[in-house]
PDB file of N, CA and C in Angstrom:
ATOM      1  N   UNK A   1       1.285  23.165 -19.165  1.00  0.00           N
ATOM      2  CA  UNK A   1       0.771  23.690 -18.661  1.00  0.00           C
ATOM      3  C   UNK A   1      -0.535  23.734 -20.448  1.00  0.00           C
ATOM      4  N   UNK A   2       0.260  23.516 -21.828  1.00  0.00           N
ATOM      5  CA  UNK A   2      -0.515  24.408 -23.295  1.00  0.00           C
ATOM      6  C   UNK A   2      -1.292  22.639 -23.024  1.00  0.00           C
ATOM      7  N   UNK A   3      -1.015  21.758 -22.994  1.00  0.00           N
ATOM      8  CA  UNK A   3      -1.693  20.008 -22.882  1.00  0.00           C
ATOM      9  C   UNK A   3      -3.059  20.206 -22.093  1.00  0.00           C
ATOM     10  N   UNK A   4      -2.850  20.724 -20.846  1.00  0.00           N
ATOM     11  CA  UNK A   4      -3.942  20.446 -19.832  1.00  0.00           C
ATOM     12  C   UNK A   4      -4.762  21.929 -19.956  1.00  0.00           C
ATOM     13  N   UNK A   5      -4.652  22.878 -20.302  1.00  0.00           N
ATOM     14  CA  UNK A   5      -5.574  24.318 -21.101  1.00  0.00           C
ATOM     15  C   UNK A   5      -6.034  23.392 -22.353  1.00  0.00           C
ATOM     16  N   UNK A   6      -5.959  22.980 -23.347  1.00  0.00           N
ATOM     17  CA  UNK A   6      -6.276  22.340 -24.429  1.00  0.00           C
ATOM     18  C   UNK A   6      -7.342  20.820 -24.193  1.00  0.00           C
ATOM     19  N   UNK A   7      -6.613  20.566 -22.804  1.00  0.00           N
ATOM     20  CA  UNK A   7      -7.997  19.645 -22.922  1.00  0.00           C
ATOM     21  C   UNK A   7      -9.571  20.280 -22.489  1.00  0.00           C
ATOM     22  N   UNK A   8      -8.963  21.236 -21.310  1.00  0.00           N
ATOM     23  CA  UNK A   8     -10.396  21.728 -20.243  1.00  0.00           C
ATOM     24  C   UNK A   8     -10.887  22.567 -21.678  1.00  0.00           C
ATOM     25  N   UNK A   9     -10.705  23.045 -22.668  1.00  0.00           N
ATOM     26  CA  UNK A   9     -11.163  24.186 -23.283  1.00  0.00           C
ATOM     27  C   UNK A   9     -11.745  22.483 -24.593  1.00  0.00           C
ATOM     28  N   UNK A  10     -11.488  21.388 -24.610  1.00  0.00           N
ATOM     29  CA  UNK A  10     -12.311  19.981 -25.283  1.00  0.00           C
ATOM     30  C   UNK A  10     -13.458  19.936 -24.398  1.00  0.00           C
ATOM     31  N   UNK A  11     -12.964  20.129 -23.114  1.00  0.00           N
ATOM     32  CA  UNK A  11     -14.155  19.747 -22.105  1.00  0.00           C
ATOM     33  C   UNK A  11     -15.484  20.408 -22.152  1.00  0.00           C
ATOM     34  N   UNK A  12     -14.788  21.634 -21.542  1.00  0.00           N
ATOM     35  CA  UNK A  12     -16.017  22.898 -21.987  1.00  0.00           C
ATOM     36  C   UNK A  12     -16.624  22.885 -23.332  1.00  0.00           C
ATOM     37  N   UNK A  13     -16.102  22.261 -24.561  1.00  0.00           N
ATOM     38  CA  UNK A  13     -17.118  22.397 -25.504  1.00  0.00           C
ATOM     39  C   UNK A  13     -17.961  21.633 -25.381  1.00  0.00           C
ATOM     40  N   UNK A  14     -17.641  20.814 -24.836  1.00  0.00           N
ATOM     41  CA  UNK A  14     -18.405  19.216 -25.406  1.00  0.00           C
ATOM     42  C   UNK A  14     -19.706  19.238 -24.238  1.00  0.00           C
ATOM     43  N   UNK A  15     -20.997  18.953 -25.093  1.00  0.00           N
ATOM     44  CA  UNK A  15     -21.946  18.909 -23.381  1.00  0.00           C
ATOM     45  C   UNK A  15     -22.232  17.665 -23.270  1.00  0.00           C
ATOM     46  N   UNK A  16     -22.182  17.546 -22.043  1.00  0.00           N
ATOM     47  CA  UNK A  16     -22.714  16.536 -21.142  1.00  0.00           C
ATOM     48  C   UNK A  16     -23.843  15.008 -21.893  1.00  0.00           C
ATOM     49  N   UNK A  17     -23.787  14.281 -22.330  1.00  0.00           N
ATOM     50  CA  UNK A  17     -24.329  13.384 -22.092  1.00  0.00           C
ATOM     51  C   UNK A  17     -24.980  13.569 -23.820  1.00  0.00           C
ATOM     52  N   UNK A  18     -23.967  14.057 -24.600  1.00  0.00           N
ATOM     53  CA  UNK A  18     -24.135  14.139 -26.403  1.00  0.00           C
ATOM     54  C   UNK A  18     -22.995  14.296 -26.983  1.00  0.00           C
ATOM     55  N   UNK A  19     -22.595  13.042 -27.789  1.00  0.00           N
ATOM     56  CA  UNK A  19     -21.837  13.083 -28.696  1.00  0.00           C
ATOM     57  C   UNK A  19     -20.313  12.969 -27.778  1.00  0.00           C
ATOM     58  N   UNK A  20     -20.365  12.034 -27.163  1.00  0.00           N
ATOM     59  CA  UNK A  20     -19.244  11.644 -26.620  1.00  0.00           C
ATOM     60  C   UNK A  20     -18.845   9.823 -26.014  1.00  0.00           C
ATOM     61  N   UNK A  21     -18.177   9.606 -25.858  1.00  0.00           N
ATOM     62  CA  UNK A  21     -18.464   8.129 -25.077  1.00  0.00           C
ATOM     63  C   UNK A  21     -19.391   7.990 -24.173  1.00  0.00           C
ATOM     64  N   UNK A  22     -17.882   8.909 -23.647  1.00  0.00           N
ATOM     65  CA  UNK A  22     -18.316   8.650 -21.804  1.00  0.00           C
ATOM     66  C   UNK A  22     -19.549   9.689 -21.318  1.00  0.00           C
ATOM     67  N   UNK A  23     -20.681   8.944 -20.676  1.00  0.00           N
ATOM     68  CA  UNK A  23     -21.788  10.071 -20.498  1.00  0.00           C
ATOM     69  C   UNK A  23     -21.866  11.328 -20.338  1.00  0.00           C
ATOM     70  N   UNK A  24     -20.616  11.052 -19.087  1.00  0.00           N
ATOM     71  CA  UNK A  24     -20.620  12.575 -18.330  1.00  0.00           C
ATOM     72  C   UNK A  24     -19.489  13.656 -18.723  1.00  0.00           C
ATOM     73  N   UNK A  25     -18.946  12.891 -19.435  1.00  0.00           N
ATOM     74  CA  UNK A  25     -18.347  14.160 -20.118  1.00  0.00           C
ATOM     75  C   UNK A  25     -19.077  15.266 -20.416  1.00  0.00           C
ATOM     76  N   UNK A  26     -17.604  16.812 -20.312  1.00  0.00           N
ATOM     77  CA  UNK A  26     -18.020  17.816 -20.766  1.00  0.00           C
ATOM     78  C   UNK A  26     -19.277  18.301 -19.555  1.00  0.00           C
ATOM     79  N   UNK A  27     -20.435  19.094 -20.014  1.00  0.00           N
ATOM     80  CA  UNK A  27     -20.443  20.308 -18.935  1.00  0.00           C
ATOM     81  C   UNK A  27     -22.441  20.109 -19.794  1.00  0.00           C
ATOM     82  N   UNK A  28     -23.005  20.324 -18.691  1.00  0.00           N
ATOM     83  CA  UNK A  28     -24.574  20.582 -19.323  1.00  0.00           C
ATOM     84  C   UNK A  28     -25.000  21.752 -19.263  1.00  0.00           C
ATOM     85  N   UNK A  29     -26.079  21.988 -19.845  1.00  0.00           N
ATOM     86  CA  UNK A  29     -26.700  23.155 -20.457  1.00  0.00           C
ATOM     87  C   UNK A  29     -27.451  23.645 -19.141  1.00  0.00           C
ATOM     88  N   UNK A  30     -26.951  25.394 -19.365  1.00  0.00           N
ATOM     89  CA  UNK A  30     -27.346  25.545 -17.758  1.00  0.00           C
ATOM     90  C   UNK A  30     -28.704  26.500 -18.925  1.00  0.00           C
ATOM     91  N   UNK A  31     -29.477  26.244 -19.579  1.00  0.00           N
ATOM     92  CA  UNK A  31     -30.226  27.212 -20.180  1.00  0.00           C
ATOM     93  C   UNK A  31     -30.925  28.482 -19.715  1.00  0.00           C
ATOM     94  N   UNK A  32     -31.750  28.698 -19.566  1.00  0.00           N
ATOM     95  CA  UNK A  32     -32.055  30.060 -18.654  1.00  0.00           C
ATOM     96  C   UNK A  32     -32.021  30.714 -17.321  1.00  0.00           C
ATOM     97  N   UNK A  33     -30.885  30.208 -16.867  1.00  0.00           N
ATOM     98  CA  UNK A  33     -30.629  30.563 -15.313  1.00  0.00           C
ATOM     99  C   UNK A  33     -30.540  31.784 -14.641  1.00  0.00           C
ATOM    100  N   UNK A  34     -30.463  32.222 -13.897  1.00  0.00           N
ATOM    101  CA  UNK A  34     -30.000  33.422 -13.322  1.00  0.00           C
ATOM    102  C   UNK A  34     -28.705  33.591 -12.846  1.00  0.00           C
ATOM    103  N   UNK A  35     -27.991  34.591 -12.871  1.00  0.00           N
ATOM    104  CA  UNK A  35     -25.815  34.258 -13.070  1.00  0.00           C
ATOM    105  C   UNK A  35     -25.882  33.794 -11.621  1.00  0.00           C
ATOM    106  N   UNK A  36     -26.259  33.720 -11.052  1.00  0.00           N
ATOM    107  CA  UNK A  36     -26.218  32.584  -9.157  1.00  0.00           C
ATOM    108  C   UNK A  36     -26.012  31.444  -9.988  1.00  0.00           C
ATOM    109  N   UNK A  37     -27.550  30.864 -10.328  1.00  0.00           N
ATOM    110  CA  UNK A  37     -27.486  29.593 -10.744  1.00  0.00           C
ATOM    111  C   UNK A  37     -26.029  29.257 -11.737  1.00  0.00           C
ATOM    112  N   UNK A  38     -26.319  29.699 -13.005  1.00  0.00           N
ATOM    113  CA  UNK A  38     -25.374  29.281 -13.734  1.00  0.00           C
ATOM    114  C   UNK A  38     -24.001  29.286 -12.781  1.00  0.00           C
ATOM    115  N   UNK A  39     -23.446  30.318 -12.071  1.00  0.00           N
ATOM    116  CA  UNK A  39     -22.069  29.894 -11.444  1.00  0.00           C
ATOM    117  C   UNK A  39     -22.421  28.752 -10.776  1.00  0.00           C
ATOM    118  N   UNK A  40     -23.585  28.409  -9.779  1.00  0.00           N
ATOM    119  CA  UNK A  40     -23.184  27.104  -9.073  1.00  0.00           C
ATOM    120  C   UNK A  40     -23.673  25.948  -9.822  1.00  0.00           C
ATOM    121  N   UNK A  41     -23.909  25.832 -10.282  1.00  0.00           N
ATOM    122  CA  UNK A  41     -24.384  24.939 -11.282  1.00  0.00           C
ATOM    123  C   UNK A  41     -23.134  24.374 -12.043  1.00  0.00           C
ATOM    124  N   UNK A  42     -22.433  25.514 -12.849  1.00  0.00           N
ATOM    125  CA  UNK A  42     -20.567  25.384 -13.633  1.00  0.00           C
ATOM    126  C   UNK A  42     -19.803  24.880 -12.409  1.00  0.00           C
ATOM    127  N   UNK A  43     -19.933  25.598 -11.614  1.00  0.00           N
ATOM    128  CA  UNK A  43     -18.841  25.705 -10.278  1.00  0.00           C
ATOM    129  C   UNK A  43     -18.801  23.439  -9.602  1.00  0.00           C
ATOM    130  N   UNK A  44     -20.033  23.416  -9.594  1.00  0.00           N
ATOM    131  CA  UNK A  44     -20.363  21.855  -9.442  1.00  0.00           C
ATOM    132  C   UNK A  44     -20.124  20.909 -10.523  1.00  0.00           C
ATOM    133  N   UNK A  45     -20.489  21.358 -11.335  1.00  0.00           N
ATOM    134  CA  UNK A  45     -19.967  20.218 -12.456  1.00  0.00           C
ATOM    135  C   UNK A  45     -18.210  20.519 -12.841  1.00  0.00           C
ATOM    136  N   UNK A  46     -17.668  21.450 -12.535  1.00  0.00           N
ATOM    137  CA  UNK A  46     -15.911  21.846 -13.040  1.00  0.00           C
ATOM    138  C   UNK A  46     -15.016  21.040 -11.632  1.00  0.00           C
ATOM    139  N   UNK A  47     -16.289  21.336 -10.345  1.00  0.00           N
ATOM    140  CA  UNK A  47     -15.349  20.215  -9.524  1.00  0.00           C
ATOM    141  C   UNK A  47     -15.815  18.559  -9.479  1.00  0.00           C
ATOM    142  N   UNK A  48     -16.346  18.295 -10.404  1.00  0.00           N
ATOM    143  CA  UNK A  48     -16.898  16.676 -10.419  1.00  0.00           C
ATOM    144  C   UNK A  48     -15.976  16.589 -11.917  1.00  0.00           C
ATOM    145  N   UNK A  49     -15.995  17.702 -13.083  1.00  0.00           N
ATOM    146  CA  UNK A  49     -14.780  17.379 -13.818  1.00  0.00           C
ATOM    147  C   UNK A  49     -13.450  17.331 -14.178  1.00  0.00           C
ATOM    148  N   UNK A  50     -12.743  18.367 -12.967  1.00  0.00           N
ATOM    149  CA  UNK A  50     -11.360  17.855 -13.030  1.00  0.00           C
ATOM    150  C   UNK A  50     -11.107  16.706 -12.497  1.00  0.00           C
ATOM    151  N   UNK A  51     -11.254  16.268 -11.647  1.00  0.00           N
ATOM    152  CA  UNK A  51     -10.724  14.775 -11.176  1.00  0.00           C
ATOM    153  C   UNK A  51     -10.394  13.714 -11.905  1.00  0.00           C
ATOM    154  N   UNK A  52     -11.818  13.241 -12.051  1.00  0.00           N
ATOM    155  CA  UNK A  52     -11.936  12.298 -13.623  1.00  0.00           C
ATOM    156  C   UNK A  52     -11.611  12.835 -14.746  1.00  0.00           C
ATOM    157  N   UNK A  53     -11.797  14.107 -15.669  1.00  0.00           N
ATOM    158  CA  UNK A  53     -10.672  14.393 -16.998  1.00  0.00           C
ATOM    159  C   UNK A  53      -9.627  15.427 -17.280  1.00  0.00           C
ATOM    160  N   UNK A  54      -9.339  15.963 -16.278  1.00  0.00           N
ATOM    161  CA  UNK A  54      -7.718  16.672 -15.667  1.00  0.00           C
ATOM    162  C   UNK A  54      -7.775  16.012 -14.925  1.00  0.00           C
ATOM    163  N   UNK A  55      -6.556  15.152 -14.469  1.00  0.00           N
ATOM    164  CA  UNK A  55      -6.093  15.052 -12.832  1.00  0.00           C
ATOM    165  C   UNK A  55      -4.467  15.879 -12.971  1.00  0.00           C
ATOM    166  N   UNK A  56      -4.132  16.138 -14.345  1.00  0.00           N
ATOM    167  CA  UNK A  56      -2.963  17.104 -14.071  1.00  0.00           C
ATOM    168  C   UNK A  56      -3.456  18.466 -13.622  1.00  0.00           C
ATOM    169  N   UNK A  57      -4.060  18.410 -13.295  1.00  0.00           N
ATOM    170  CA  UNK A  57      -4.763  20.383 -12.351  1.00  0.00           C
ATOM    171  C   UNK A  57      -5.203  19.851 -11.135  1.00  0.00           C
ATOM    172  N   UNK A  58      -4.803  20.265 -10.241  1.00  0.00           N
ATOM    173  CA  UNK A  58      -5.291  20.204  -8.970  1.00  0.00           C
ATOM    174  C   UNK A  58      -5.717  21.390  -8.427  1.00  0.00           C
ATOM    175  N   UNK A  59      -6.484  21.384  -8.506  1.00  0.00           N
ATOM    176  CA  UNK A  59      -8.014  22.080  -8.023  1.00  0.00           C
ATOM    177  C   UNK A  59      -7.387  22.924  -6.642  1.00  0.00           C
ATOM    178  N   UNK A  60      -7.331  24.049  -6.354  1.00  0.00           N
ATOM    179  CA  UNK A  60      -7.187  25.052  -4.855  1.00  0.00           C
ATOM    180  C   UNK A  60      -8.703  25.506  -4.670  1.00  0.00           C
ATOM    181  N   UNK A  61      -9.097  26.181  -5.712  1.00  0.00           N
ATOM    182  CA  UNK A  61     -10.089  26.948  -5.058  1.00  0.00           C
ATOM    183  C   UNK A  61     -10.933  27.399  -6.642  1.00  0.00           C
ATOM    184  N   UNK A  62     -12.484  27.582  -6.196  1.00  0.00           N
ATOM    185  CA  UNK A  62     -13.071  28.470  -7.406  1.00  0.00           C
ATOM    186  C   UNK A  62     -13.746  29.489  -6.145  1.00  0.00           C
ATOM    187  N   UNK A  63     -13.299  30.869  -7.206  1.00  0.00           N
ATOM    188  CA  UNK A  63     -14.144  31.848  -7.075  1.00  0.00           C
ATOM    189  C   UNK A  63     -14.933  32.612  -8.277  1.00  0.00           C
ATOM    190  N   UNK A  64     -15.622  32.728  -8.106  1.00  0.00           N
ATOM    191  CA  UNK A  64     -17.198  33.677  -8.811  1.00  0.00           C
ATOM    192  C   UNK A  64     -17.137  35.088  -8.520  1.00  0.00           C
ATOM    193  N   UNK A  65     -17.595  35.742  -9.817  1.00  0.00           N
ATOM    194  CA  UNK A  65     -17.718  37.386  -9.565  1.00  0.00           C
ATOM    195  C   UNK A  65     -18.789  37.259 -10.946  1.00  0.00           C
ATOM    196  N   UNK A  66     -19.565  38.897 -10.832  1.00  0.00           N
ATOM    197  CA  UNK A  66     -19.361  38.878 -12.338  1.00  0.00           C
ATOM    198  C   UNK A  66     -19.020  40.144 -13.064  1.00  0.00           C
ATOM    199  N   UNK A  67     -18.553  40.013 -13.979  1.00  0.00           N
ATOM    200  CA  UNK A  67     -17.772  40.305 -14.886  1.00  0.00           C
ATOM    201  C   UNK A  67     -18.108  41.899 -15.111  1.00  0.00           C
ATOM    202  N   UNK A  68     -17.630  43.474 -15.628  1.00  0.00           N
ATOM    203  CA  UNK A  68     -18.796  44.655 -15.959  1.00  0.00           C
ATOM    204  C   UNK A  68     -19.683  44.206 -16.724  1.00  0.00           C
ATOM    205  N   UNK A  69     -20.152  43.910 -16.995  1.00  0.00           N
ATOM    206  CA  UNK A  69     -21.136  43.605 -18.070  1.00  0.00           C
ATOM    207  C   UNK A  69     -23.020  42.661 -17.476  1.00  0.00           C
ATOM    208  N   UNK A  70     -22.039  42.681 -16.145  1.00  0.00           N
ATOM    209  CA  UNK A  70     -22.701  41.565 -14.949  1.00  0.00           C
ATOM    210  C   UNK A  70     -22.983  40.259 -15.935  1.00  0.00           C
ATOM    211  N   UNK A  71     -21.803  39.829 -15.677  1.00  0.00           N
ATOM    212  CA  UNK A  71     -21.993  38.574 -16.570  1.00  0.00           C
ATOM    213  C   UNK A  71     -21.610  38.030 -15.923  1.00  0.00           C
ATOM    214  N   UNK A  72     -21.785  36.241 -15.142  1.00  0.00           N
ATOM    215  CA  UNK A  72     -21.163  35.511 -14.076  1.00  0.00           C
ATOM    216  C   UNK A  72     -19.360  35.455 -15.227  1.00  0.00           C
ATOM    217  N   UNK A  73     -18.705  34.911 -14.642  1.00  0.00           N
ATOM    218  CA  UNK A  73     -17.337  33.940 -14.684  1.00  0.00           C
ATOM    219  C   UNK A  73     -16.481  33.223 -13.557  1.00  0.00           C
ATOM    220  N   UNK A  74     -16.210  32.578 -13.607  1.00  0.00           N
ATOM    221  CA  UNK A  74     -15.731  31.494 -12.723  1.00  0.00           C
ATOM    222  C   UNK A  74     -13.878  31.726 -12.732  1.00  0.00           C
ATOM    223  N   UNK A  75     -13.591  31.951 -11.075  1.00  0.00           N
ATOM    224  CA  UNK A  75     -11.749  31.918 -11.523  1.00  0.00           C
ATOM    225  C   UNK A  75     -11.285  30.936 -10.428  1.00  0.00           C
ATOM    226  N   UNK A  76     -10.630  29.655 -11.537  1.00  0.00           N
ATOM    227  CA  UNK A  76     -10.393  28.905 -11.012  1.00  0.00           C
ATOM    228  C   UNK A  76      -8.214  29.082 -10.056  1.00  0.00           C
ATOM    229  N   UNK A  77      -7.944  28.530  -9.782  1.00  0.00           N
ATOM    230  CA  UNK A  77      -6.710  28.376  -8.831  1.00  0.00           C
ATOM    231  C   UNK A  77      -6.254  27.737  -8.666  1.00  0.00           C
ATOM    232  N   UNK A  78      -5.713  26.821  -9.090  1.00  0.00           N
ATOM    233  CA  UNK A  78      -4.724  24.946  -8.748  1.00  0.00           C
ATOM    234  C   UNK A  78      -3.301  25.111  -9.794  1.00  0.00           C
ATOM    235  N   UNK A  79      -2.889  23.816  -9.692  1.00  0.00           N
ATOM    236  CA  UNK A  79      -1.810  23.755  -9.735  1.00  0.00           C
ATOM    237  C   UNK A  79      -1.439  22.444 -10.788  1.00  0.00           C
ATOM    238  N   UNK A  80      -1.075  23.390 -12.314  1.00  0.00           N
ATOM    239  CA  UNK A  80      -0.539  21.903 -12.738  1.00  0.00           C
ATOM    240  C   UNK A  80       0.617  21.273 -12.552  1.00  0.00           C
ATOM    241  N   UNK A  81       0.652  19.850 -12.809  1.00  0.00           N
ATOM    242  CA  UNK A  81       1.597  18.761 -11.710  1.00  0.00           C
ATOM    243  C   UNK A  81       2.706  18.925 -13.183  1.00  0.00           C
ATOM    244  N   UNK A  82       4.209  19.053 -12.793  1.00  0.00           N
ATOM    245  CA  UNK A  82       5.152  19.868 -13.126  1.00  0.00           C
ATOM    246  C   UNK A  82       5.388  20.873 -13.379  1.00  0.00           C
ATOM    247  N   UNK A  83       4.506  21.715 -12.317  1.00  0.00           N
ATOM    248  CA  UNK A  83       4.813  22.505 -13.004  1.00  0.00           C
ATOM    249  C   UNK A  83       4.631  23.932 -12.022  1.00  0.00           C
ATOM    250  N   UNK A  84       5.335  24.747 -11.729  1.00  0.00           N
ATOM    251  CA  UNK A  84       5.261  25.509 -10.138  1.00  0.00           C
ATOM    252  C   UNK A  84       4.637  26.231 -10.147  1.00  0.00           C
ATOM    253  N   UNK A  85       4.086  26.748  -8.658  1.00  0.00           N
ATOM    254  CA  UNK A  85       3.263  27.649  -8.700  1.00  0.00           C
ATOM    255  C   UNK A  85       1.877  28.093  -9.218  1.00  0.00           C
ATOM    256  N   UNK A  86       1.130  28.997  -8.775  1.00  0.00           N
ATOM    257  CA  UNK A  86      -0.355  28.587  -8.798  1.00  0.00           C
ATOM    258  C   UNK A  86      -0.590  28.888 -10.374  1.00  0.00           C
ATOM    259  N   UNK A  87      -1.433  28.404 -11.010  1.00  0.00           N
ATOM    260  CA  UNK A  87      -2.382  28.773 -11.914  1.00  0.00           C
ATOM    261  C   UNK A  87      -3.466  29.358 -12.116  1.00  0.00           C
ATOM    262  N   UNK A  88      -4.337  30.505 -12.501  1.00  0.00           N
ATOM    263  CA  UNK A  88      -5.358  31.003 -12.311  1.00  0.00           C
ATOM    264  C   UNK A  88      -5.825  31.160 -14.081  1.00  0.00           C
ATOM    265  N   UNK A  89      -7.341  30.326 -14.055  1.00  0.00           N
ATOM    266  CA  UNK A  89      -7.931  30.282 -15.335  1.00  0.00           C
ATOM    267  C   UNK A  89      -8.782  30.740 -15.130  1.00  0.00           C
ATOM    268  N   UNK A  90      -9.561  31.800 -15.875  1.00  0.00           N
ATOM    269  CA  UNK A  90     -10.928  32.630 -16.145  1.00  0.00           C
ATOM    270  C   UNK A  90     -11.904  31.722 -17.231  1.00  0.00           C
ATOM    271  N   UNK A  91     -12.983  31.188 -16.467  1.00  0.00           N
ATOM    272  CA  UNK A  91     -14.108  30.726 -17.165  1.00  0.00           C
ATOM    273  C   UNK A  91     -15.360  31.566 -17.379  1.00  0.00           C
ATOM    274  N   UNK A  92     -15.685  31.948 -19.350  1.00  0.00           N
ATOM    275  CA  UNK A  92     -16.780  32.031 -18.775  1.00  0.00           C
ATOM    276  C   UNK A  92     -18.415  30.703 -19.417  1.00  0.00           C
ATOM    277  N   UNK A  93     -19.284  30.562 -18.069  1.00  0.00           N
ATOM    278  CA  UNK A  93     -19.423  29.632 -17.935  1.00  0.00           C
ATOM    279  C   UNK A  93     -21.030  29.483 -19.006  1.00  0.00           C
ATOM    280  N   UNK A  94     -20.857  30.896 -19.336  1.00  0.00           N
ATOM    281  CA  UNK A  94     -22.366  30.984 -20.431  1.00  0.00           C
ATOM    282  C   UNK A  94     -21.896  30.775 -21.729  1.00  0.00           C
ATOM    283  N   UNK A  95     -20.958  30.993 -22.220  1.00  0.00           N
ATOM    284  CA  UNK A  95     -20.364  30.403 -23.584  1.00  0.00           C
ATOM    285  C   UNK A  95     -19.354  29.618 -24.188  1.00  0.00           C
ATOM    286  N   UNK A  96     -19.359  29.065 -21.994  1.00  0.00           N
ATOM    287  CA  UNK A  96     -18.588  27.581 -21.752  1.00  0.00           C
ATOM    288  C   UNK A  96     -16.981  27.589 -22.832  1.00  0.00           C
ATOM    289  N   UNK A  97     -15.969  28.613 -21.793  1.00  0.00           N
ATOM    290  CA  UNK A  97     -15.048  28.957 -22.546  1.00  0.00           C
ATOM    291  C   UNK A  97     -14.050  29.432 -21.883  1.00  0.00           C
ATOM    292  N   UNK A  98     -12.866  29.047 -21.952  1.00  0.00           N
ATOM    293  CA  UNK A  98     -11.620  29.754 -21.173  1.00  0.00           C
ATOM    294  C   UNK A  98     -11.472  30.885 -21.239  1.00  0.00           C
ATOM    295  N   UNK A  99     -11.333  32.089 -21.032  1.00  0.00           N
ATOM    296  CA  UNK A  99     -11.068  33.323 -20.997  1.00  0.00           C
ATOM    297  C   UNK A  99      -9.739  33.504 -21.188  1.00  0.00           C
ATOM    298  N   UNK A 100      -8.982  33.320 -19.842  1.00  0.00           N
ATOM    299  CA  UNK A 100      -8.074  33.770 -19.554  1.00  0.00           C
ATOM    300  C   UNK A 100      -7.125  32.641 -18.570  1.00  0.00           C
ATOM    301  N   UNK A 101      -5.776  32.344 -18.539  1.00  0.00           N
ATOM    302  CA  UNK A 101      -4.761  31.529 -18.320  1.00  0.00           C
ATOM    303  C   UNK A 101      -3.282  32.483 -17.679  1.00  0.00           C
ATOM    304  N   UNK A 102      -3.176  32.918 -16.519  1.00  0.00           N
ATOM    305  CA  UNK A 102      -2.546  33.386 -15.820  1.00  0.00           C
ATOM    306  C   UNK A 102      -1.850  32.640 -15.155  1.00  0.00           C
ATOM    307  N   UNK A 103      -0.253  32.818 -15.024  1.00  0.00           N
ATOM    308  CA  UNK A 103       0.547  31.648 -14.088  1.00  0.00           C
ATOM    309  C   UNK A 103       0.940  32.674 -13.290  1.00  0.00           C
ATOM    310  N   UNK A 104       1.144  32.317 -11.739  1.00  0.00           N
ATOM    311  CA  UNK A 104       1.621  33.174 -10.765  1.00  0.00           C
ATOM    312  C   UNK A 104       0.938  33.684  -9.540  1.00  0.00           C
TER     313      UNK A 104
END
């Protein structure tokens, strides 16, 4: 799971089409979109990127909500291959980082 999380952090930090051999590696900039636009954009690219660049993580469900300050966050439920049970990943799509990893 630690390797999967490290790879996801690299994927999040990479800007799509900039500085990588693979032109679709990473996430595009979301610019000055609304919270709903950022959520839709990030969720779509997450669904594209996970099967391509992190096959050890099986996506089960993506949920989105606004945190207490009104910032969007993406909650991903899935399974890491070789591990048992669900893994919950909480992403900050604006800052493009992984906030939290929970098992179970």
